[in-house]
């Protein structure tokens, strides 16, 4: 049976109220008494019932995090940032995974989070639909998408995805490249891919360059998308530089061109999006437009802590930087 505060109080010869104060570090007792009570609690195997404590105190220190499988590795970096900041703020975190592109699975997971009385909910690599957002609003739970822009009526913390496409393209044009490909993004179903394509095309327009449909090779941000794109550009296009939609896509491009005997950057340059440590592990090392995923996670938790009572939908853009390495 679960050990109760009353069991500890009986052995210690104290009231349940006194034991409760000690276990919750609320003062009003000597160090010797506290030490004896904690020793008894350890010997009995007592663990605090946080749900009951939160309910009694009308407070909550638990946040939820929902993520899904991704073709890219930035998930881990965002989650590490979230967990580190949650620890600093003495928050408990519940992690759950939902199936990708499965609204029924996501709705079930969100219901589970609501039942566990989280006060805030973060979505990583998954986009909540309006039904889910409505459920959370009705439950009074502050929610955010982390690591990606969203077109839905929910707060998010991300890089500016339009600027990612724009700045990557602008950098390559200023470096002297004239025919710039855009590879590996899902521009049909993915809002992030659509924004980055818009930024890419706007940069071309700014520099009075005409977009060529042959410069575009769609994908799903994966390594295999890069392999496929390398074959496509080798057979169908005359680009002199390519923007890879993710580090995994750029890695695939690099290896695909190696298999085809195409030299990078001598024959063709590659600019990667994300800038994770994968960029320094390839040979040659990948030039990248780098996102600060750890800061995204930290900022998202900070907003939960400080703005959870605000009904306002907020957008927080995390700064980008370009890191020149060996592929351009």
C-alpha atoms as a PDB file:
ATOM      1  CA  UNK A   1       0.000   0.000   0.000  1.00  0.00           C
ATOM      2  CA  UNK A   2       1.102   3.562  -0.651  1.00  0.00           C
ATOM      3  CA  UNK A   3       2.779   5.202   2.339  1.00  0.00           C
ATOM      4  CA  UNK A   4       0.831   8.189   3.708  1.00  0.00           C
ATOM      5  CA  UNK A   5       1.875  11.233   5.692  1.00  0.00           C
ATOM      6  CA  UNK A   6      -0.172   9.838   8.605  1.00  0.00           C
ATOM      7  CA  UNK A   7       2.075   6.750   8.685  1.00  0.00           C
ATOM      8  CA  UNK A   8       5.182   8.927   9.024  1.00  0.00           C
ATOM      9  CA  UNK A   9       3.507  11.135  11.656  1.00  0.00           C
ATOM     10  CA  UNK A  10       2.583   8.128  13.780  1.00  0.00           C
ATOM     11  CA  UNK A  11       6.176   6.839  13.906  1.00  0.00           C
ATOM     12  CA  UNK A  12       7.655  10.312  14.408  1.00  0.00           C
ATOM     13  CA  UNK A  13       5.175  11.227  17.153  1.00  0.00           C
ATOM     14  CA  UNK A  14       4.133  14.390  15.318  1.00  0.00           C
ATOM     15  CA  UNK A  15       0.930  15.735  13.830  1.00  0.00           C
ATOM     16  CA  UNK A  16       0.232  15.177  10.132  1.00  0.00           C
ATOM     17  CA  UNK A  17       0.306  18.960   9.662  1.00  0.00           C
ATOM     18  CA  UNK A  18       3.840  19.161  11.079  1.00  0.00           C
ATOM     19  CA  UNK A  19       5.069  16.295   8.876  1.00  0.00           C
ATOM     20  CA  UNK A  20       3.434  17.901   5.851  1.00  0.00           C
ATOM     21  CA  UNK A  21       5.271  21.182   6.529  1.00  0.00           C
ATOM     22  CA  UNK A  22       8.589  19.332   6.754  1.00  0.00           C
ATOM     23  CA  UNK A  23       8.048  17.289   3.598  1.00  0.00           C
ATOM     24  CA  UNK A  24       7.039  20.420   1.690  1.00  0.00           C
ATOM     25  CA  UNK A  25       9.890  22.522   3.134  1.00  0.00           C
ATOM     26  CA  UNK A  26       7.576  25.180   4.579  1.00  0.00           C
ATOM     27  CA  UNK A  27       9.518  25.912   7.768  1.00  0.00           C
ATOM     28  CA  UNK A  28       8.463  26.002  11.433  1.00  0.00           C
ATOM     29  CA  UNK A  29      10.582  23.059  12.622  1.00  0.00           C
ATOM     30  CA  UNK A  30      14.121  22.299  13.770  1.00  0.00           C
ATOM     31  CA  UNK A  31      16.800  20.725  11.591  1.00  0.00           C
ATOM     32  CA  UNK A  32      16.942  17.707  13.894  1.00  0.00           C
ATOM     33  CA  UNK A  33      13.194  17.119  13.608  1.00  0.00           C
ATOM     34  CA  UNK A  34      13.283  17.563   9.835  1.00  0.00           C
ATOM     35  CA  UNK A  35      16.190  15.136   9.533  1.00  0.00           C
ATOM     36  CA  UNK A  36      14.356  12.493  11.599  1.00  0.00           C
ATOM     37  CA  UNK A  37      11.142  12.860   9.597  1.00  0.00           C
ATOM     38  CA  UNK A  38      12.986  12.623   6.251  1.00  0.00           C
ATOM     39  CA  UNK A  39      14.822   9.510   7.442  1.00  0.00           C
ATOM     40  CA  UNK A  40      11.528   7.845   8.423  1.00  0.00           C
ATOM     41  CA  UNK A  41      10.004   8.814   5.059  1.00  0.00           C
ATOM     42  CA  UNK A  42      12.960   7.260   3.210  1.00  0.00           C
ATOM     43  CA  UNK A  43      12.802   4.046   5.267  1.00  0.00           C
ATOM     44  CA  UNK A  44       9.058   3.674   4.601  1.00  0.00           C
ATOM     45  CA  UNK A  45       9.471   4.457   0.882  1.00  0.00           C
ATOM     46  CA  UNK A  46       7.323   7.580   0.870  1.00  0.00           C
ATOM     47  CA  UNK A  47       6.849   9.547  -2.358  1.00  0.00           C
ATOM     48  CA  UNK A  48       4.951  12.786  -2.658  1.00  0.00           C
ATOM     49  CA  UNK A  49       1.662  12.647  -4.605  1.00  0.00           C
ATOM     50  CA  UNK A  50       2.221  15.708  -6.783  1.00  0.00           C
ATOM     51  CA  UNK A  51      -1.190  15.548  -8.428  1.00  0.00           C
ATOM     52  CA  UNK A  52      -2.970  15.609  -5.071  1.00  0.00           C
ATOM     53  CA  UNK A  53      -0.657  18.350  -3.806  1.00  0.00           C
ATOM     54  CA  UNK A  54      -1.286  20.516  -6.853  1.00  0.00           C
ATOM     55  CA  UNK A  55      -5.028  19.977  -6.557  1.00  0.00           C
ATOM     56  CA  UNK A  56      -5.019  20.937  -2.891  1.00  0.00           C
ATOM     57  CA  UNK A  57      -2.914  24.031  -3.413  1.00  0.00           C
ATOM     58  CA  UNK A  58      -4.659  25.057  -6.658  1.00  0.00           C
ATOM     59  CA  UNK A  59      -1.239  25.245  -8.323  1.00  0.00           C
ATOM     60  CA  UNK A  60       0.523  23.213 -10.963  1.00  0.00           C
ATOM     61  CA  UNK A  61       4.174  22.745 -11.801  1.00  0.00           C
ATOM     62  CA  UNK A  62       3.865  20.293 -14.695  1.00  0.00           C
ATOM     63  CA  UNK A  63       4.239  21.028 -18.399  1.00  0.00           C
ATOM     64  CA  UNK A  64       3.556  18.689 -21.287  1.00  0.00           C
ATOM     65  CA  UNK A  65       5.645  18.108 -24.402  1.00  0.00           C
ATOM     66  CA  UNK A  66       4.285  16.347 -27.476  1.00  0.00           C
ATOM     67  CA  UNK A  67       6.565  15.407 -30.349  1.00  0.00           C
ATOM     68  CA  UNK A  68       6.580  13.063 -33.325  1.00  0.00           C
ATOM     69  CA  UNK A  69       9.038  11.236 -35.529  1.00  0.00           C
ATOM     70  CA  UNK A  70      11.019  13.558 -37.786  1.00  0.00           C
ATOM     71  CA  UNK A  71      13.376  13.098 -40.704  1.00  0.00           C
ATOM     72  CA  UNK A  72      15.680  15.683 -39.126  1.00  0.00           C
ATOM     73  CA  UNK A  73      17.597  15.677 -35.846  1.00  0.00           C
ATOM     74  CA  UNK A  74      16.650  19.105 -34.495  1.00  0.00           C
ATOM     75  CA  UNK A  75      13.974  17.521 -32.253  1.00  0.00           C
ATOM     76  CA  UNK A  76      16.616  16.399 -29.775  1.00  0.00           C
ATOM     77  CA  UNK A  77      18.158  19.866 -29.553  1.00  0.00           C
ATOM     78  CA  UNK A  78      14.814  21.568 -28.920  1.00  0.00           C
ATOM     79  CA  UNK A  79      13.810  18.984 -26.315  1.00  0.00           C
ATOM     80  CA  UNK A  80      17.159  19.318 -24.515  1.00  0.00           C
ATOM     81  CA  UNK A  81      16.639  23.083 -24.351  1.00  0.00           C
ATOM     82  CA  UNK A  82      13.136  22.596 -22.960  1.00  0.00           C
ATOM     83  CA  UNK A  83      14.242  20.069 -20.349  1.00  0.00           C
ATOM     84  CA  UNK A  84      17.187  22.183 -19.184  1.00  0.00           C
ATOM     85  CA  UNK A  85      15.023  25.268 -18.653  1.00  0.00           C
ATOM     86  CA  UNK A  86      12.268  23.207 -17.003  1.00  0.00           C
ATOM     87  CA  UNK A  87      14.823  21.902 -14.500  1.00  0.00           C
ATOM     88  CA  UNK A  88      15.998  25.437 -13.705  1.00  0.00           C
ATOM     89  CA  UNK A  89      12.381  26.450 -13.056  1.00  0.00           C
ATOM     90  CA  UNK A  90      11.706  23.304 -10.962  1.00  0.00           C
ATOM     91  CA  UNK A  91       9.029  22.106 -13.361  1.00  0.00           C
ATOM     92  CA  UNK A  92       7.985  18.523 -13.981  1.00  0.00           C
ATOM     93  CA  UNK A  93       7.757  17.514 -17.639  1.00  0.00           C
ATOM     94  CA  UNK A  94       5.581  14.848 -19.229  1.00  0.00           C
ATOM     95  CA  UNK A  95       6.710  13.700 -22.700  1.00  0.00           C
ATOM     96  CA  UNK A  96       4.338  11.939 -25.074  1.00  0.00           C
ATOM     97  CA  UNK A  97       4.654  10.992 -28.726  1.00  0.00           C
ATOM     98  CA  UNK A  98       1.892  11.273 -31.329  1.00  0.00           C
ATOM     99  CA  UNK A  99       1.781   9.685 -34.763  1.00  0.00           C
ATOM    100  CA  UNK A 100       2.811  11.968 -37.583  1.00  0.00           C
ATOM    101  CA  UNK A 101      -0.028  13.407 -39.711  1.00  0.00           C
ATOM    102  CA  UNK A 102      -2.624  11.593 -37.585  1.00  0.00           C
ATOM    103  CA  UNK A 103      -5.198  13.999 -36.055  1.00  0.00           C
ATOM    104  CA  UNK A 104      -6.914  11.193 -34.111  1.00  0.00           C
ATOM    105  CA  UNK A 105      -3.662  10.171 -32.423  1.00  0.00           C
ATOM    106  CA  UNK A 106      -2.836  13.797 -31.597  1.00  0.00           C
ATOM    107  CA  UNK A 107      -6.296  14.460 -30.148  1.00  0.00           C
ATOM    108  CA  UNK A 108      -5.993  11.421 -27.863  1.00  0.00           C
ATOM    109  CA  UNK A 109      -2.550  12.472 -26.620  1.00  0.00           C
ATOM    110  CA  UNK A 110      -3.758  16.019 -25.958  1.00  0.00           C
ATOM    111  CA  UNK A 111      -6.716  14.658 -23.965  1.00  0.00           C
ATOM    112  CA  UNK A 112      -4.260  12.609 -21.895  1.00  0.00           C
ATOM    113  CA  UNK A 113      -2.243  15.769 -21.209  1.00  0.00           C
ATOM    114  CA  UNK A 114      -5.362  17.681 -20.148  1.00  0.00           C
ATOM    115  CA  UNK A 115      -6.332  14.860 -17.766  1.00  0.00           C
ATOM    116  CA  UNK A 116      -2.868  15.054 -16.191  1.00  0.00           C
ATOM    117  CA  UNK A 117      -3.532  18.716 -15.411  1.00  0.00           C
ATOM    118  CA  UNK A 118      -0.525  20.237 -17.202  1.00  0.00           C
ATOM    119  CA  UNK A 119      -0.589  24.039 -17.118  1.00  0.00           C
ATOM    120  CA  UNK A 120       1.256  24.416 -20.433  1.00  0.00           C
ATOM    121  CA  UNK A 121       1.783  22.289 -23.525  1.00  0.00           C
ATOM    122  CA  UNK A 122       4.569  22.400 -26.121  1.00  0.00           C
ATOM    123  CA  UNK A 123       4.422  20.861 -29.610  1.00  0.00           C
ATOM    124  CA  UNK A 124       7.713  19.894 -31.288  1.00  0.00           C
ATOM    125  CA  UNK A 125       7.720  18.754 -34.962  1.00  0.00           C
ATOM    126  CA  UNK A 126       3.946  18.526 -34.903  1.00  0.00           C
ATOM    127  CA  UNK A 127       1.261  21.055 -35.792  1.00  0.00           C
ATOM    128  CA  UNK A 128      -1.932  21.162 -33.668  1.00  0.00           C
ATOM    129  CA  UNK A 129      -5.106  21.675 -35.686  1.00  0.00           C
ATOM    130  CA  UNK A 130      -7.868  24.109 -34.712  1.00  0.00           C
ATOM    131  CA  UNK A 131      -9.860  21.398 -32.930  1.00  0.00           C
ATOM    132  CA  UNK A 132      -6.909  20.626 -30.654  1.00  0.00           C
ATOM    133  CA  UNK A 133      -6.215  24.334 -30.087  1.00  0.00           C
ATOM    134  CA  UNK A 134      -9.867  24.823 -29.136  1.00  0.00           C
ATOM    135  CA  UNK A 135      -9.687  21.945 -26.625  1.00  0.00           C
ATOM    136  CA  UNK A 136      -6.638  23.475 -24.963  1.00  0.00           C
ATOM    137  CA  UNK A 137      -8.130  26.960 -24.863  1.00  0.00           C
ATOM    138  CA  UNK A 138     -11.285  25.594 -23.246  1.00  0.00           C
ATOM    139  CA  UNK A 139      -9.174  23.765 -20.649  1.00  0.00           C
ATOM    140  CA  UNK A 140      -7.220  26.948 -19.923  1.00  0.00           C
ATOM    141  CA  UNK A 141      -3.899  25.432 -21.012  1.00  0.00           C
ATOM    142  CA  UNK A 142      -1.343  27.712 -22.671  1.00  0.00           C
ATOM    143  CA  UNK A 143       0.120  25.981 -25.738  1.00  0.00           C
ATOM    144  CA  UNK A 144       2.975  26.713 -28.140  1.00  0.00           C
ATOM    145  CA  UNK A 145       4.554  25.222 -31.225  1.00  0.00           C
ATOM    146  CA  UNK A 146       8.349  25.106 -30.834  1.00  0.00           C
ATOM    147  CA  UNK A 147      10.885  24.954 -33.663  1.00  0.00           C
ATOM    148  CA  UNK A 148       8.538  25.729 -36.553  1.00  0.00           C
ATOM    149  CA  UNK A 149       6.270  28.482 -37.792  1.00  0.00           C
ATOM    150  CA  UNK A 150       2.558  27.734 -37.923  1.00  0.00           C
ATOM    151  CA  UNK A 151      -0.430  29.190 -39.756  1.00  0.00           C
ATOM    152  CA  UNK A 152      -2.845  28.096 -37.009  1.00  0.00           C
ATOM    153  CA  UNK A 153      -4.077  30.347 -34.189  1.00  0.00           C
ATOM    154  CA  UNK A 154      -1.531  29.226 -31.604  1.00  0.00           C
ATOM    155  CA  UNK A 155       1.614  30.789 -30.169  1.00  0.00           C
ATOM    156  CA  UNK A 156       4.965  29.661 -31.516  1.00  0.00           C
ATOM    157  CA  UNK A 157       8.694  30.042 -30.906  1.00  0.00           C
ATOM    158  CA  UNK A 158      10.797  29.553 -34.026  1.00  0.00           C
ATOM    159  CA  UNK A 159      13.224  31.058 -36.465  1.00  0.00           C
ATOM    160  CA  UNK A 160      11.675  33.247 -39.159  1.00  0.00           C
ATOM    161  CA  UNK A 161      11.256  30.619 -41.882  1.00  0.00           C
ATOM    162  CA  UNK A 162      10.727  33.205 -44.622  1.00  0.00           C
ATOM    163  CA  UNK A 163      14.036  34.789 -43.622  1.00  0.00           C
ATOM    164  CA  UNK A 164      15.761  31.406 -43.657  1.00  0.00           C
ATOM    165  CA  UNK A 165      14.933  31.035 -47.342  1.00  0.00           C
ATOM    166  CA  UNK A 166      15.697  34.676 -48.083  1.00  0.00           C
ATOM    167  CA  UNK A 167      19.014  34.946 -46.256  1.00  0.00           C
ATOM    168  CA  UNK A 168      20.371  31.650 -47.577  1.00  0.00           C
ATOM    169  CA  UNK A 169      19.607  32.692 -51.151  1.00  0.00           C
ATOM    170  CA  UNK A 170      20.878  36.236 -50.674  1.00  0.00           C
ATOM    171  CA  UNK A 171      24.155  34.909 -49.256  1.00  0.00           C
ATOM    172  CA  UNK A 172      24.758  32.624 -52.240  1.00  0.00           C
ATOM    173  CA  UNK A 173      23.909  35.339 -54.778  1.00  0.00           C
ATOM    174  CA  UNK A 174      26.307  37.764 -53.102  1.00  0.00           C
ATOM    175  CA  UNK A 175      28.956  35.020 -53.151  1.00  0.00           C
ATOM    176  CA  UNK A 176      28.658  34.968 -56.947  1.00  0.00           C
ATOM    177  CA  UNK A 177      26.271  32.077 -57.635  1.00  0.00           C
ATOM    178  CA  UNK A 178      23.685  32.697 -60.371  1.00  0.00           C
ATOM    179  CA  UNK A 179      21.596  29.514 -60.672  1.00  0.00           C
ATOM    180  CA  UNK A 180      20.495  28.435 -57.219  1.00  0.00           C
ATOM    181  CA  UNK A 181      18.485  25.292 -56.564  1.00  0.00           C
ATOM    182  CA  UNK A 182      16.103  24.698 -53.670  1.00  0.00           C
ATOM    183  CA  UNK A 183      15.952  21.028 -52.632  1.00  0.00           C
ATOM    184  CA  UNK A 184      14.294  18.673 -50.168  1.00  0.00           C
ATOM    185  CA  UNK A 185      11.407  20.746 -48.788  1.00  0.00           C
ATOM    186  CA  UNK A 186       7.783  19.648 -48.795  1.00  0.00           C
ATOM    187  CA  UNK A 187       6.200  22.732 -50.342  1.00  0.00           C
ATOM    188  CA  UNK A 188       2.834  21.070 -50.961  1.00  0.00           C
ATOM    189  CA  UNK A 189       1.826  20.098 -47.418  1.00  0.00           C
ATOM    190  CA  UNK A 190       4.359  21.714 -45.083  1.00  0.00           C
ATOM    191  CA  UNK A 191       3.861  25.349 -44.028  1.00  0.00           C
ATOM    192  CA  UNK A 192       7.533  25.742 -43.081  1.00  0.00           C
ATOM    193  CA  UNK A 193       8.604  24.534 -46.528  1.00  0.00           C
ATOM    194  CA  UNK A 194       6.206  26.982 -48.158  1.00  0.00           C
ATOM    195  CA  UNK A 195       7.572  29.928 -46.168  1.00  0.00           C
ATOM    196  CA  UNK A 196      11.183  29.056 -46.982  1.00  0.00           C
ATOM    197  CA  UNK A 197      10.348  28.762 -50.675  1.00  0.00           C
ATOM    198  CA  UNK A 198       8.684  32.193 -50.553  1.00  0.00           C
ATOM    199  CA  UNK A 199      11.832  33.662 -48.985  1.00  0.00           C
ATOM    200  CA  UNK A 200      14.003  31.988 -51.614  1.00  0.00           C
ATOM    201  CA  UNK A 201      11.921  33.358 -54.474  1.00  0.00           C
ATOM    202  CA  UNK A 202      11.780  36.836 -52.956  1.00  0.00           C
ATOM    203  CA  UNK A 203      15.588  36.947 -52.722  1.00  0.00           C
ATOM    204  CA  UNK A 204      15.834  36.005 -56.393  1.00  0.00           C
ATOM    205  CA  UNK A 205      13.372  38.774 -57.221  1.00  0.00           C
ATOM    206  CA  UNK A 206      15.269  41.305 -55.090  1.00  0.00           C
ATOM    207  CA  UNK A 207      18.389  40.576 -57.128  1.00  0.00           C
ATOM    208  CA  UNK A 208      16.380  40.743 -60.381  1.00  0.00           C
ATOM    209  CA  UNK A 209      16.881  37.049 -61.096  1.00  0.00           C
ATOM    210  CA  UNK A 210      14.156  34.963 -62.719  1.00  0.00           C
ATOM    211  CA  UNK A 211      13.055  31.781 -60.959  1.00  0.00           C
ATOM    212  CA  UNK A 212      13.390  28.611 -63.044  1.00  0.00           C
ATOM    213  CA  UNK A 213      11.048  25.744 -62.148  1.00  0.00           C
ATOM    214  CA  UNK A 214      13.850  23.269 -62.910  1.00  0.00           C
ATOM    215  CA  UNK A 215      15.761  24.667 -59.922  1.00  0.00           C
ATOM    216  CA  UNK A 216      13.162  23.237 -57.545  1.00  0.00           C
ATOM    217  CA  UNK A 217      13.290  19.610 -56.310  1.00  0.00           C
ATOM    218  CA  UNK A 218      10.755  18.746 -53.611  1.00  0.00           C
ATOM    219  CA  UNK A 219      11.212  16.218 -50.796  1.00  0.00           C
ATOM    220  CA  UNK A 220      10.435  15.557 -47.145  1.00  0.00           C
ATOM    221  CA  UNK A 221      13.519  17.087 -45.487  1.00  0.00           C
ATOM    222  CA  UNK A 222      15.215  13.667 -45.323  1.00  0.00           C
ATOM    223  CA  UNK A 223      18.624  12.267 -46.238  1.00  0.00           C
ATOM    224  CA  UNK A 224      17.001  10.286 -49.054  1.00  0.00           C
ATOM    225  CA  UNK A 225      15.509  13.519 -50.402  1.00  0.00           C
ATOM    226  CA  UNK A 226      19.083  14.763 -50.800  1.00  0.00           C
ATOM    227  CA  UNK A 227      20.193  11.616 -52.618  1.00  0.00           C
ATOM    228  CA  UNK A 228      17.219  11.925 -54.972  1.00  0.00           C
ATOM    229  CA  UNK A 229      17.861  15.626 -55.524  1.00  0.00           C
ATOM    230  CA  UNK A 230      21.524  15.036 -56.409  1.00  0.00           C
ATOM    231  CA  UNK A 231      20.455  12.674 -59.196  1.00  0.00           C
ATOM    232  CA  UNK A 232      17.785  15.104 -60.345  1.00  0.00           C
ATOM    233  CA  UNK A 233      20.133  18.087 -60.622  1.00  0.00           C
ATOM    234  CA  UNK A 234      22.816  15.977 -62.280  1.00  0.00           C
ATOM    235  CA  UNK A 235      20.369  14.896 -65.011  1.00  0.00           C
ATOM    236  CA  UNK A 236      17.962  17.817 -65.408  1.00  0.00           C
ATOM    237  CA  UNK A 237      19.417  21.124 -64.305  1.00  0.00           C
ATOM    238  CA  UNK A 238      22.440  23.380 -64.557  1.00  0.00           C
ATOM    239  CA  UNK A 239      22.410  24.958 -61.098  1.00  0.00           C
ATOM    240  CA  UNK A 240      25.698  26.106 -59.623  1.00  0.00           C
ATOM    241  CA  UNK A 241      24.504  26.085 -55.981  1.00  0.00           C
ATOM    242  CA  UNK A 242      21.763  24.361 -53.978  1.00  0.00           C
ATOM    243  CA  UNK A 243      20.010  25.176 -50.719  1.00  0.00           C
ATOM    244  CA  UNK A 244      19.298  21.943 -48.831  1.00  0.00           C
ATOM    245  CA  UNK A 245      16.060  22.068 -46.802  1.00  0.00           C
ATOM    246  CA  UNK A 246      17.722  20.437 -43.776  1.00  0.00           C
ATOM    247  CA  UNK A 247      21.132  19.195 -42.691  1.00  0.00           C
ATOM    248  CA  UNK A 248      20.028  15.651 -43.527  1.00  0.00           C
ATOM    249  CA  UNK A 249      18.986  16.706 -47.028  1.00  0.00           C
ATOM    250  CA  UNK A 250      22.296  18.511 -47.528  1.00  0.00           C
ATOM    251  CA  UNK A 251      24.202  15.452 -46.330  1.00  0.00           C
ATOM    252  CA  UNK A 252      22.277  13.392 -48.886  1.00  0.00           C
ATOM    253  CA  UNK A 253      23.146  15.925 -51.599  1.00  0.00           C
ATOM    254  CA  UNK A 254      26.811  15.768 -50.634  1.00  0.00           C
ATOM    255  CA  UNK A 255      26.980  11.974 -50.736  1.00  0.00           C
ATOM    256  CA  UNK A 256      24.824  11.771 -53.845  1.00  0.00           C
ATOM    257  CA  UNK A 257      27.129  14.110 -55.752  1.00  0.00           C
ATOM    258  CA  UNK A 258      30.159  12.167 -54.515  1.00  0.00           C
ATOM    259  CA  UNK A 259      28.708   8.963 -56.011  1.00  0.00           C
ATOM    260  CA  UNK A 260      28.092  10.809 -59.292  1.00  0.00           C
ATOM    261  CA  UNK A 261      31.601  12.245 -59.445  1.00  0.00           C
ATOM    262  CA  UNK A 262      30.398  15.816 -58.934  1.00  0.00           C
ATOM    263  CA  UNK A 263      32.812  17.897 -56.851  1.00  0.00           C
ATOM    264  CA  UNK A 264      31.554  20.097 -54.001  1.00  0.00           C
ATOM    265  CA  UNK A 265      32.148  23.042 -54.015  1.00  0.00           C
ATOM    266  CA  UNK A 266      34.216  23.072 -57.236  1.00  0.00           C
ATOM    267  CA  UNK A 267      31.342  21.966 -59.497  1.00  0.00           C
ATOM    268  CA  UNK A 268      28.417  22.899 -57.283  1.00  0.00           C
ATOM    269  CA  UNK A 269      27.981  24.597 -53.893  1.00  0.00           C
ATOM    270  CA  UNK A 270      25.689  23.487 -51.061  1.00  0.00           C
ATOM    271  CA  UNK A 271      24.084  25.674 -48.395  1.00  0.00           C
ATOM    272  CA  UNK A 272      22.411  23.744 -45.568  1.00  0.00           C
ATOM    273  CA  UNK A 273      19.486  24.782 -43.397  1.00  0.00           C
ATOM    274  CA  UNK A 274      19.582  24.072 -39.631  1.00  0.00           C
ATOM    275  CA  UNK A 275      23.277  24.118 -38.746  1.00  0.00           C
ATOM    276  CA  UNK A 276      23.342  21.218 -36.287  1.00  0.00           C
ATOM    277  CA  UNK A 277      26.638  19.494 -35.482  1.00  0.00           C
ATOM    278  CA  UNK A 278      26.042  17.239 -38.490  1.00  0.00           C
ATOM    279  CA  UNK A 279      27.379  20.133 -40.587  1.00  0.00           C
ATOM    280  CA  UNK A 280      30.820  19.727 -39.018  1.00  0.00           C
ATOM    281  CA  UNK A 281      30.805  15.926 -39.318  1.00  0.00           C
ATOM    282  CA  UNK A 282      30.520  15.741 -43.115  1.00  0.00           C
ATOM    283  CA  UNK A 283      33.477  16.015 -45.487  1.00  0.00           C
ATOM    284  CA  UNK A 284      33.588  18.690 -46.726  1.00  0.00           C
ATOM    285  CA  UNK A 285      31.918  20.497 -43.846  1.00  0.00           C
ATOM    286  CA  UNK A 286      28.577  22.058 -44.716  1.00  0.00           C
ATOM    287  CA  UNK A 287      28.077  25.800 -44.941  1.00  0.00           C
ATOM    288  CA  UNK A 288      24.806  26.518 -43.141  1.00  0.00           C
ATOM    289  CA  UNK A 289      22.197  28.999 -42.083  1.00  0.00           C
ATOM    290  CA  UNK A 290      22.106  28.061 -38.432  1.00  0.00           C
ATOM    291  CA  UNK A 291      19.141  28.014 -36.068  1.00  0.00           C
ATOM    292  CA  UNK A 292      19.478  28.144 -32.277  1.00  0.00           C
ATOM    293  CA  UNK A 293      17.256  25.225 -31.297  1.00  0.00           C
ATOM    294  CA  UNK A 294      18.367  25.168 -27.642  1.00  0.00           C
ATOM    295  CA  UNK A 295      17.340  28.816 -27.286  1.00  0.00           C
ATOM    296  CA  UNK A 296      13.959  28.000 -28.848  1.00  0.00           C
ATOM    297  CA  UNK A 297      13.343  25.394 -26.135  1.00  0.00           C
ATOM    298  CA  UNK A 298      14.513  27.716 -23.366  1.00  0.00           C
ATOM    299  CA  UNK A 299      12.394  30.602 -24.650  1.00  0.00           C
ATOM    300  CA  UNK A 300       9.292  28.417 -24.955  1.00  0.00           C
ATOM    301  CA  UNK A 301       9.530  27.348 -21.304  1.00  0.00           C
ATOM    302  CA  UNK A 302      10.183  30.928 -20.218  1.00  0.00           C
ATOM    303  CA  UNK A 303       7.007  32.025 -21.993  1.00  0.00           C
ATOM    304  CA  UNK A 304       5.044  29.233 -20.308  1.00  0.00           C
ATOM    305  CA  UNK A 305       6.260  30.335 -16.904  1.00  0.00           C
ATOM    306  CA  UNK A 306       5.717  34.052 -17.414  1.00  0.00           C
ATOM    307  CA  UNK A 307       2.788  34.260 -19.822  1.00  0.00           C
ATOM    308  CA  UNK A 308       0.663  31.166 -19.176  1.00  0.00           C
ATOM    309  CA  UNK A 309      -2.209  33.329 -17.886  1.00  0.00           C
ATOM    310  CA  UNK A 310      -2.236  35.505 -21.003  1.00  0.00           C
ATOM    311  CA  UNK A 311      -4.813  34.569 -23.675  1.00  0.00           C
ATOM    312  CA  UNK A 312      -2.859  36.443 -26.354  1.00  0.00           C
ATOM    313  CA  UNK A 313      -1.353  34.458 -29.229  1.00  0.00           C
ATOM    314  CA  UNK A 314       2.330  35.337 -29.514  1.00  0.00           C
ATOM    315  CA  UNK A 315       5.063  34.888 -32.108  1.00  0.00           C
ATOM    316  CA  UNK A 316       8.695  34.763 -30.982  1.00  0.00           C
ATOM    317  CA  UNK A 317      11.457  34.740 -33.622  1.00  0.00           C
ATOM    318  CA  UNK A 318      14.885  33.420 -32.635  1.00  0.00           C
ATOM    319  CA  UNK A 319      17.887  35.006 -34.413  1.00  0.00           C
ATOM    320  CA  UNK A 320      19.701  33.199 -37.252  1.00  0.00           C
ATOM    321  CA  UNK A 321      23.332  33.208 -38.328  1.00  0.00           C
ATOM    322  CA  UNK A 322      25.221  32.078 -41.422  1.00  0.00           C
ATOM    323  CA  UNK A 323      28.276  29.880 -40.879  1.00  0.00           C
ATOM    324  CA  UNK A 324      30.594  29.538 -43.850  1.00  0.00           C
ATOM    325  CA  UNK A 325      32.406  26.222 -43.937  1.00  0.00           C
ATOM    326  CA  UNK A 326      33.660  24.232 -46.922  1.00  0.00           C
ATOM    327  CA  UNK A 327      30.730  23.617 -49.302  1.00  0.00           C
ATOM    328  CA  UNK A 328      30.453  27.152 -50.705  1.00  0.00           C
END
